[in-house]
Amino acid sequence: MNRRTIILISAILTSGALTAVTPTSSAGTAGVAASVESSRDVFELLRTDDVLALKALIEKSPRLLDSSDAGGRTPLHYAAMGGNAELCDYFVDKGARLEARDAHQKT
């Protein structure tokens, strides 16, 4: 686990941002229905810890890393909250935004 991952996990875990959520999408108007469904898939796969299916979905649609739930949390937030350093590194390598903030302005 590298220093960047440790800092990210620490920041998210100390934020206390573990709540029930309803997924939404940050996509534009084109393809919103498909994006919302895919966004739901991302958050469901994160909840069930299906890393292989999650990675396959991100490979197919990397823009899903910008998806956020009703609390503004991204897949990277969830991976960090779950303590999954491997998934955090994978998301960052695939372009996840480190500066993304949730509804409480937590990174």
N, C-alpha and C. Protein backbone atom coordinates (compact mmCIF):
# COMPACT_ATOMS: atom_id res chain seq x y z
N MET A 1 0.86 -1.16 0.00
CA MET A 1 0.00 0.00 0.00
C MET A 1 0.91 1.23 0.00
N ASN A 2 0.65 2.15 -0.92
CA ASN A 2 1.49 3.33 -1.01
C ASN A 2 0.96 4.46 -0.12
N ARG A 3 1.77 5.51 0.02
CA ARG A 3 1.43 6.63 0.91
C ARG A 3 0.13 7.31 0.48
N ARG A 4 -0.06 7.49 -0.83
CA ARG A 4 -1.26 8.15 -1.35
C ARG A 4 -2.51 7.38 -0.93
N THR A 5 -2.47 6.06 -1.02
CA THR A 5 -3.61 5.23 -0.65
C THR A 5 -3.89 5.33 0.85
N ILE A 6 -2.84 5.29 1.65
CA ILE A 6 -3.01 5.38 3.10
C ILE A 6 -3.66 6.70 3.49
N ILE A 7 -3.20 7.80 2.88
CA ILE A 7 -3.77 9.11 3.17
C ILE A 7 -5.23 9.16 2.76
N LEU A 8 -5.54 8.63 1.58
CA LEU A 8 -6.91 8.64 1.08
C LEU A 8 -7.83 7.81 1.98
N ILE A 9 -7.41 6.63 2.34
CA ILE A 9 -8.23 5.76 3.20
C ILE A 9 -8.43 6.43 4.56
N SER A 10 -7.37 6.97 5.11
CA SER A 10 -7.47 7.63 6.41
C SER A 10 -8.46 8.79 6.38
N ALA A 11 -8.37 9.62 5.34
CA ALA A 11 -9.27 10.77 5.25
C ALA A 11 -10.72 10.35 5.15
N ILE A 12 -10.99 9.34 4.36
CA ILE A 12 -12.38 8.91 4.19
C ILE A 12 -12.90 8.19 5.43
N LEU A 13 -12.08 7.37 6.05
CA LEU A 13 -12.53 6.67 7.24
C LEU A 13 -12.80 7.62 8.39
N THR A 14 -12.04 8.69 8.49
CA THR A 14 -12.26 9.64 9.58
C THR A 14 -13.43 10.57 9.31
N SER A 15 -13.91 10.58 8.06
CA SER A 15 -15.03 11.47 7.74
C SER A 15 -16.35 10.96 8.31
N GLY A 16 -16.43 9.67 8.64
CA GLY A 16 -17.67 9.11 9.16
C GLY A 16 -18.79 9.09 8.14
N ALA A 17 -18.44 8.94 6.88
CA ALA A 17 -19.43 9.07 5.79
C ALA A 17 -20.05 7.73 5.38
N LEU A 18 -20.28 6.84 6.29
CA LEU A 18 -20.91 5.57 5.96
C LEU A 18 -22.40 5.66 6.21
N THR A 19 -23.18 5.82 5.15
CA THR A 19 -24.63 5.89 5.27
C THR A 19 -25.27 5.16 4.12
N ALA A 20 -26.55 4.85 4.24
CA ALA A 20 -27.30 4.25 3.14
C ALA A 20 -27.47 5.30 2.05
N VAL A 21 -27.35 4.87 0.79
CA VAL A 21 -27.40 5.83 -0.30
C VAL A 21 -28.25 5.30 -1.45
N THR A 22 -28.66 6.24 -2.30
CA THR A 22 -29.32 5.91 -3.55
C THR A 22 -28.43 6.44 -4.67
N PRO A 23 -27.92 5.56 -5.56
CA PRO A 23 -27.01 6.02 -6.59
C PRO A 23 -27.66 7.00 -7.56
N THR A 24 -26.85 7.96 -8.00
CA THR A 24 -27.23 8.87 -9.07
C THR A 24 -26.07 8.95 -10.03
N SER A 25 -26.17 9.76 -11.04
CA SER A 25 -25.10 9.89 -12.00
C SER A 25 -24.75 11.34 -12.21
N SER A 26 -23.47 11.59 -12.50
CA SER A 26 -23.04 12.95 -12.81
C SER A 26 -22.91 13.13 -14.31
N ALA A 27 -23.43 12.21 -15.10
CA ALA A 27 -23.32 12.29 -16.56
C ALA A 27 -24.22 13.39 -17.10
N GLY A 28 -23.94 13.82 -18.34
CA GLY A 28 -24.75 14.82 -19.01
C GLY A 28 -26.09 14.24 -19.43
N THR A 29 -26.85 14.98 -20.23
CA THR A 29 -28.19 14.54 -20.60
C THR A 29 -28.19 13.40 -21.59
N ALA A 30 -27.17 13.27 -22.42
CA ALA A 30 -27.14 12.18 -23.39
C ALA A 30 -26.84 10.87 -22.68
N GLY A 31 -27.72 9.93 -22.84
CA GLY A 31 -27.52 8.60 -22.25
C GLY A 31 -27.67 8.57 -20.75
N VAL A 32 -28.44 9.47 -20.18
CA VAL A 32 -28.58 9.52 -18.73
C VAL A 32 -29.17 8.23 -18.17
N ALA A 33 -30.19 7.67 -18.82
CA ALA A 33 -30.80 6.44 -18.31
C ALA A 33 -29.78 5.33 -18.25
N ALA A 34 -28.99 5.16 -19.29
CA ALA A 34 -27.97 4.11 -19.31
C ALA A 34 -26.91 4.40 -18.26
N SER A 35 -26.53 5.68 -18.11
CA SER A 35 -25.51 6.04 -17.13
C SER A 35 -25.98 5.79 -15.72
N VAL A 36 -27.23 6.11 -15.44
CA VAL A 36 -27.77 5.89 -14.10
C VAL A 36 -27.79 4.40 -13.80
N GLU A 37 -28.21 3.60 -14.75
CA GLU A 37 -28.23 2.15 -14.53
C GLU A 37 -26.81 1.62 -14.30
N SER A 38 -25.85 2.05 -15.12
CA SER A 38 -24.47 1.62 -14.94
C SER A 38 -23.91 2.11 -13.61
N SER A 39 -24.30 3.32 -13.23
CA SER A 39 -23.87 3.88 -11.96
C SER A 39 -24.38 3.01 -10.81
N ARG A 40 -25.65 2.62 -10.92
CA ARG A 40 -26.21 1.72 -9.90
C ARG A 40 -25.42 0.42 -9.85
N ASP A 41 -25.04 -0.08 -11.02
CA ASP A 41 -24.25 -1.31 -11.07
C ASP A 41 -22.93 -1.15 -10.32
N VAL A 42 -22.26 -0.01 -10.53
CA VAL A 42 -20.99 0.24 -9.86
C VAL A 42 -21.17 0.19 -8.35
N PHE A 43 -22.16 0.90 -7.84
CA PHE A 43 -22.34 0.95 -6.39
C PHE A 43 -22.82 -0.40 -5.83
N GLU A 44 -23.60 -1.13 -6.61
CA GLU A 44 -24.02 -2.47 -6.16
C GLU A 44 -22.82 -3.41 -6.10
N LEU A 45 -21.96 -3.35 -7.10
CA LEU A 45 -20.76 -4.20 -7.11
C LEU A 45 -19.82 -3.81 -5.97
N LEU A 46 -19.75 -2.54 -5.65
CA LEU A 46 -18.95 -2.12 -4.50
C LEU A 46 -19.53 -2.68 -3.20
N ARG A 47 -20.86 -2.62 -3.08
CA ARG A 47 -21.51 -3.13 -1.86
C ARG A 47 -21.31 -4.63 -1.69
N THR A 48 -21.32 -5.36 -2.82
CA THR A 48 -21.18 -6.82 -2.74
C THR A 48 -19.73 -7.27 -2.83
N ASP A 49 -18.81 -6.30 -2.98
CA ASP A 49 -17.37 -6.58 -3.04
C ASP A 49 -17.01 -7.52 -4.19
N ASP A 50 -17.70 -7.35 -5.33
CA ASP A 50 -17.41 -8.15 -6.52
C ASP A 50 -16.36 -7.42 -7.35
N VAL A 51 -15.11 -7.56 -6.94
CA VAL A 51 -14.01 -6.80 -7.53
C VAL A 51 -13.81 -7.14 -9.00
N LEU A 52 -13.88 -8.40 -9.36
CA LEU A 52 -13.67 -8.77 -10.77
C LEU A 52 -14.72 -8.15 -11.69
N ALA A 53 -15.98 -8.23 -11.31
CA ALA A 53 -17.05 -7.64 -12.12
C ALA A 53 -16.92 -6.12 -12.14
N LEU A 54 -16.53 -5.53 -11.02
CA LEU A 54 -16.36 -4.09 -10.93
C LEU A 54 -15.26 -3.61 -11.87
N LYS A 55 -14.13 -4.30 -11.87
CA LYS A 55 -13.02 -3.94 -12.75
C LYS A 55 -13.43 -4.09 -14.21
N ALA A 56 -14.17 -5.13 -14.53
CA ALA A 56 -14.64 -5.33 -15.91
C ALA A 56 -15.55 -4.18 -16.33
N LEU A 57 -16.43 -3.74 -15.44
CA LEU A 57 -17.34 -2.64 -15.75
C LEU A 57 -16.57 -1.33 -15.95
N ILE A 58 -15.56 -1.09 -15.12
CA ILE A 58 -14.75 0.13 -15.24
C ILE A 58 -13.92 0.09 -16.52
N GLU A 59 -13.41 -1.07 -16.89
CA GLU A 59 -12.67 -1.20 -18.14
C GLU A 59 -13.57 -0.83 -19.32
N LYS A 60 -14.81 -1.25 -19.25
CA LYS A 60 -15.78 -0.99 -20.32
C LYS A 60 -16.22 0.47 -20.33
N SER A 61 -16.38 1.06 -19.15
CA SER A 61 -16.89 2.43 -19.02
C SER A 61 -16.14 3.19 -17.93
N PRO A 62 -14.92 3.64 -18.22
CA PRO A 62 -14.12 4.34 -17.20
C PRO A 62 -14.80 5.60 -16.65
N ARG A 63 -15.71 6.21 -17.41
CA ARG A 63 -16.40 7.42 -16.94
C ARG A 63 -17.21 7.15 -15.67
N LEU A 64 -17.49 5.89 -15.39
CA LEU A 64 -18.26 5.55 -14.18
C LEU A 64 -17.50 5.90 -12.90
N LEU A 65 -16.20 6.11 -13.01
CA LEU A 65 -15.44 6.52 -11.83
C LEU A 65 -15.86 7.91 -11.36
N ASP A 66 -16.51 8.67 -12.24
CA ASP A 66 -17.02 9.99 -11.87
C ASP A 66 -18.45 9.95 -11.34
N SER A 67 -19.05 8.77 -11.30
CA SER A 67 -20.40 8.61 -10.76
C SER A 67 -20.39 8.97 -9.28
N SER A 68 -21.53 9.44 -8.81
CA SER A 68 -21.64 9.71 -7.38
C SER A 68 -23.02 9.29 -6.88
N ASP A 69 -23.07 8.98 -5.60
CA ASP A 69 -24.35 8.59 -5.00
C ASP A 69 -25.05 9.85 -4.49
N ALA A 70 -26.16 9.68 -3.82
CA ALA A 70 -26.94 10.82 -3.31
C ALA A 70 -26.15 11.66 -2.32
N GLY A 71 -25.14 11.07 -1.69
CA GLY A 71 -24.29 11.80 -0.75
C GLY A 71 -23.05 12.37 -1.39
N GLY A 72 -22.95 12.25 -2.73
CA GLY A 72 -21.81 12.78 -3.45
C GLY A 72 -20.57 11.90 -3.43
N ARG A 73 -20.68 10.71 -2.89
CA ARG A 73 -19.53 9.81 -2.80
C ARG A 73 -19.33 9.06 -4.11
N THR A 74 -18.07 8.94 -4.50
CA THR A 74 -17.68 8.28 -5.74
C THR A 74 -17.25 6.84 -5.44
N PRO A 75 -17.05 6.04 -6.48
CA PRO A 75 -16.53 4.70 -6.24
C PRO A 75 -15.21 4.71 -5.45
N LEU A 76 -14.37 5.71 -5.69
CA LEU A 76 -13.12 5.81 -4.94
C LEU A 76 -13.39 6.02 -3.46
N HIS A 77 -14.36 6.86 -3.12
CA HIS A 77 -14.74 7.04 -1.71
C HIS A 77 -15.10 5.69 -1.09
N TYR A 78 -15.94 4.93 -1.80
CA TYR A 78 -16.39 3.63 -1.27
C TYR A 78 -15.24 2.65 -1.10
N ALA A 79 -14.35 2.61 -2.08
CA ALA A 79 -13.21 1.69 -1.97
C ALA A 79 -12.35 2.06 -0.76
N ALA A 80 -12.14 3.35 -0.55
CA ALA A 80 -11.35 3.79 0.60
C ALA A 80 -12.07 3.51 1.91
N MET A 81 -13.39 3.79 1.96
CA MET A 81 -14.16 3.52 3.18
C MET A 81 -14.13 2.04 3.53
N GLY A 82 -14.09 1.20 2.49
CA GLY A 82 -14.03 -0.24 2.72
C GLY A 82 -12.63 -0.75 3.01
N GLY A 83 -11.64 0.14 2.96
CA GLY A 83 -10.27 -0.25 3.26
C GLY A 83 -9.62 -1.08 2.16
N ASN A 84 -10.15 -0.98 0.94
CA ASN A 84 -9.63 -1.79 -0.16
C ASN A 84 -8.56 -1.01 -0.91
N ALA A 85 -7.31 -1.14 -0.45
CA ALA A 85 -6.19 -0.39 -1.04
C ALA A 85 -5.95 -0.79 -2.50
N GLU A 86 -6.11 -2.06 -2.81
CA GLU A 86 -5.91 -2.51 -4.20
C GLU A 86 -6.90 -1.82 -5.14
N LEU A 87 -8.15 -1.76 -4.73
CA LEU A 87 -9.18 -1.13 -5.54
C LEU A 87 -8.95 0.39 -5.62
N CYS A 88 -8.53 1.00 -4.53
CA CYS A 88 -8.20 2.44 -4.55
C CYS A 88 -7.11 2.71 -5.58
N ASP A 89 -6.04 1.93 -5.54
CA ASP A 89 -4.96 2.10 -6.51
C ASP A 89 -5.45 1.89 -7.93
N TYR A 90 -6.29 0.89 -8.13
CA TYR A 90 -6.84 0.61 -9.46
C TYR A 90 -7.66 1.80 -9.96
N PHE A 91 -8.54 2.31 -9.12
CA PHE A 91 -9.38 3.45 -9.51
C PHE A 91 -8.53 4.67 -9.84
N VAL A 92 -7.52 4.94 -9.03
CA VAL A 92 -6.64 6.09 -9.28
C VAL A 92 -5.89 5.89 -10.60
N ASP A 93 -5.40 4.70 -10.82
CA ASP A 93 -4.70 4.40 -12.08
C ASP A 93 -5.62 4.57 -13.29
N LYS A 94 -6.91 4.33 -13.10
CA LYS A 94 -7.88 4.45 -14.19
C LYS A 94 -8.43 5.87 -14.34
N GLY A 95 -7.97 6.79 -13.49
CA GLY A 95 -8.35 8.19 -13.65
C GLY A 95 -9.33 8.74 -12.64
N ALA A 96 -9.57 8.03 -11.55
CA ALA A 96 -10.48 8.56 -10.52
C ALA A 96 -9.90 9.87 -9.98
N ARG A 97 -10.78 10.82 -9.74
CA ARG A 97 -10.37 12.14 -9.26
C ARG A 97 -10.12 12.11 -7.75
N LEU A 98 -8.91 12.40 -7.34
CA LEU A 98 -8.56 12.42 -5.92
C LEU A 98 -9.21 13.59 -5.20
N GLU A 99 -9.52 14.65 -5.92
CA GLU A 99 -10.09 15.84 -5.30
C GLU A 99 -11.61 15.80 -5.20
N ALA A 100 -12.24 14.73 -5.65
CA ALA A 100 -13.71 14.62 -5.59
C ALA A 100 -14.17 14.72 -4.14
N ARG A 101 -15.19 15.55 -3.91
CA ARG A 101 -15.73 15.76 -2.55
C ARG A 101 -17.17 15.30 -2.48
N ASP A 102 -17.54 14.77 -1.32
CA ASP A 102 -18.92 14.35 -1.12
C ASP A 102 -19.76 15.55 -0.68
N ALA A 103 -21.00 15.30 -0.33
CA ALA A 103 -21.92 16.36 0.06
C ALA A 103 -21.46 17.12 1.31
N HIS A 104 -20.58 16.52 2.09
CA HIS A 104 -20.07 17.15 3.31
C HIS A 104 -18.67 17.75 3.07
N GLN A 105 -18.30 17.85 1.79
CA GLN A 105 -17.01 18.41 1.37
C GLN A 105 -15.82 17.56 1.84
N LYS A 106 -16.04 16.28 2.04
CA LYS A 106 -14.97 15.36 2.42
C LYS A 106 -14.41 14.71 1.17
N THR A 107 -13.09 14.55 1.12
CA THR A 107 -12.45 13.87 0.00
C THR A 107 -12.31 12.41 0.29
